[in-house]
């Protein structure tokens, strides 16, 4: 074996070097974080939490805006229906009763049947 990883095209030397670089980077990061004041680390943590909360609320806001759009569309449809119905009522009621108009009321009454 020539020491070449055929799947990735890296030599064993390159793989070991990459691994060692990641270890050094992790150690440097850990020591740098230790030098950051505690209050600043807490602030950074709070910022991460707020960022997650903002993303959650953005989803909620989007859903609410979708609901509002649907409700507004429903209101427009109802207003159109109302206008149609009121215009039909206005056109069908052409008979106007004035005080001089005579009315005949046809009220059904119970009639006794002959026995």
Protein backbone atom coordinates (compact mmCIF):
# COMPACT_ATOMS: atom_id res chain seq x y z
CA UNK A 1 0.00 0.00 0.00
CA UNK A 2 1.38 3.38 -0.99
CA UNK A 3 -0.35 5.20 1.88
CA UNK A 4 -2.99 6.81 -0.37
CA UNK A 5 -6.61 6.83 0.66
CA UNK A 6 -8.36 6.22 -2.68
CA UNK A 7 -11.75 7.40 -1.44
CA UNK A 8 -10.57 10.91 -0.56
CA UNK A 9 -7.33 11.16 -2.54
CA UNK A 10 -5.34 12.04 0.61
CA UNK A 11 -2.18 10.43 1.80
CA UNK A 12 -2.02 9.18 5.36
CA UNK A 13 0.39 12.02 6.04
CA UNK A 14 -2.17 14.61 4.90
CA UNK A 15 -4.91 12.97 6.99
CA UNK A 16 -2.72 13.00 10.10
CA UNK A 17 -1.70 16.61 9.42
CA UNK A 18 -5.36 17.68 9.05
CA UNK A 19 -6.25 15.90 12.28
CA UNK A 20 -3.37 17.54 14.13
CA UNK A 21 -4.36 20.99 12.75
CA UNK A 22 -7.93 20.50 14.03
CA UNK A 23 -6.60 19.52 17.47
CA UNK A 24 -4.35 22.59 17.63
CA UNK A 25 -7.23 24.82 16.48
CA UNK A 26 -9.54 23.35 19.16
CA UNK A 27 -6.91 23.90 21.87
CA UNK A 28 -6.27 27.49 20.78
CA UNK A 29 -10.00 28.20 20.68
CA UNK A 30 -10.49 26.75 24.16
CA UNK A 31 -7.64 28.82 25.61
CA UNK A 32 -8.91 31.96 23.87
CA UNK A 33 -12.39 31.39 25.28
CA UNK A 34 -10.92 31.03 28.78
CA UNK A 35 -9.40 34.51 28.41
CA UNK A 36 -12.76 36.09 27.57
CA UNK A 37 -14.42 37.66 30.63
CA UNK A 38 -17.32 35.66 32.05
CA UNK A 39 -19.77 38.53 31.53
CA UNK A 40 -18.91 38.66 27.82
CA UNK A 41 -19.37 34.87 27.49
CA UNK A 42 -22.77 35.14 29.17
CA UNK A 43 -23.71 37.97 26.84
CA UNK A 44 -22.70 35.87 23.83
CA UNK A 45 -24.80 32.98 25.13
CA UNK A 46 -27.80 35.26 25.62
CA UNK A 47 -27.34 36.54 22.06
CA UNK A 48 -27.39 32.97 20.73
CA UNK A 49 -30.57 32.24 22.67
CA UNK A 50 -32.22 35.43 21.42
CA UNK A 51 -31.25 34.61 17.84
CA UNK A 52 -32.98 31.21 18.12
CA UNK A 53 -36.05 32.85 19.67
CA UNK A 54 -36.15 35.43 16.88
CA UNK A 55 -36.14 32.68 14.28
CA UNK A 56 -39.01 30.93 16.06
CA UNK A 57 -40.99 34.17 16.25
CA UNK A 58 -40.34 34.94 12.59
CA UNK A 59 -42.01 31.64 11.70
CA UNK A 60 -44.94 32.50 13.93
CA UNK A 61 -45.21 35.98 12.39
CA UNK A 62 -45.21 34.50 8.88
CA UNK A 63 -48.02 32.09 9.77
CA UNK A 64 -50.04 34.91 11.37
CA UNK A 65 -49.56 37.09 8.28
CA UNK A 66 -50.83 34.22 6.12
CA UNK A 67 -53.92 33.92 8.34
CA UNK A 68 -54.51 37.69 8.11
CA UNK A 69 -54.33 37.56 4.30
CA UNK A 70 -56.89 34.73 4.27
CA UNK A 71 -59.21 36.58 6.66
CA UNK A 72 -59.00 39.76 4.54
CA UNK A 73 -59.88 37.73 1.44
CA UNK A 74 -62.85 36.19 3.28
CA UNK A 75 -63.99 39.68 4.34
CA UNK A 76 -63.81 40.91 0.72
CA UNK A 77 -65.94 37.97 -0.41
CA UNK A 78 -68.50 38.61 2.32
CA UNK A 79 -68.65 42.30 1.42
CA UNK A 80 -69.32 41.42 -2.22
CA UNK A 81 -72.08 39.02 -1.19
CA UNK A 82 -73.60 41.69 1.05
CA UNK A 83 -73.56 44.26 -1.77
CA UNK A 84 -75.22 41.78 -4.13
CA UNK A 85 -77.94 40.93 -1.60
CA UNK A 86 -78.65 44.54 -0.70
CA UNK A 87 -78.80 45.55 -4.37
CA UNK A 88 -81.27 42.70 -5.00
CA UNK A 89 -83.39 43.88 -2.07
CA UNK A 90 -83.39 47.42 -3.40
CA UNK A 91 -84.48 46.36 -6.88
CA UNK A 92 -87.22 43.97 -5.76
CA UNK A 93 -88.97 46.34 -3.38
CA UNK A 94 -90.48 48.73 -5.89
CA UNK A 95 -93.90 48.82 -4.18
CA UNK A 96 -93.89 51.68 -1.74
CA UNK A 97 -96.62 52.03 0.83
CA UNK A 98 -97.76 55.55 1.40
CA UNK A 99 -100.23 56.61 4.07
CA UNK A 100 -103.02 56.66 1.43
CA UNK A 101 -102.39 53.08 0.27
CA UNK A 102 -105.09 50.60 1.16
CA UNK A 103 -103.94 47.29 2.46
CA UNK A 104 -105.86 44.06 2.49
CA UNK A 105 -104.70 41.61 5.06
CA UNK A 106 -105.37 37.96 4.36
CA UNK A 107 -105.07 36.30 7.73
CA UNK A 108 -106.10 32.64 7.83
CA UNK A 109 -108.74 31.80 10.42
CA UNK A 110 -109.96 28.51 11.77
CA UNK A 111 -113.31 27.55 10.39
CA UNK A 112 -115.47 25.05 12.11
CA UNK A 113 -116.37 22.08 10.02
CA UNK A 114 -119.99 20.96 9.93
CA UNK A 115 -120.60 17.89 11.99
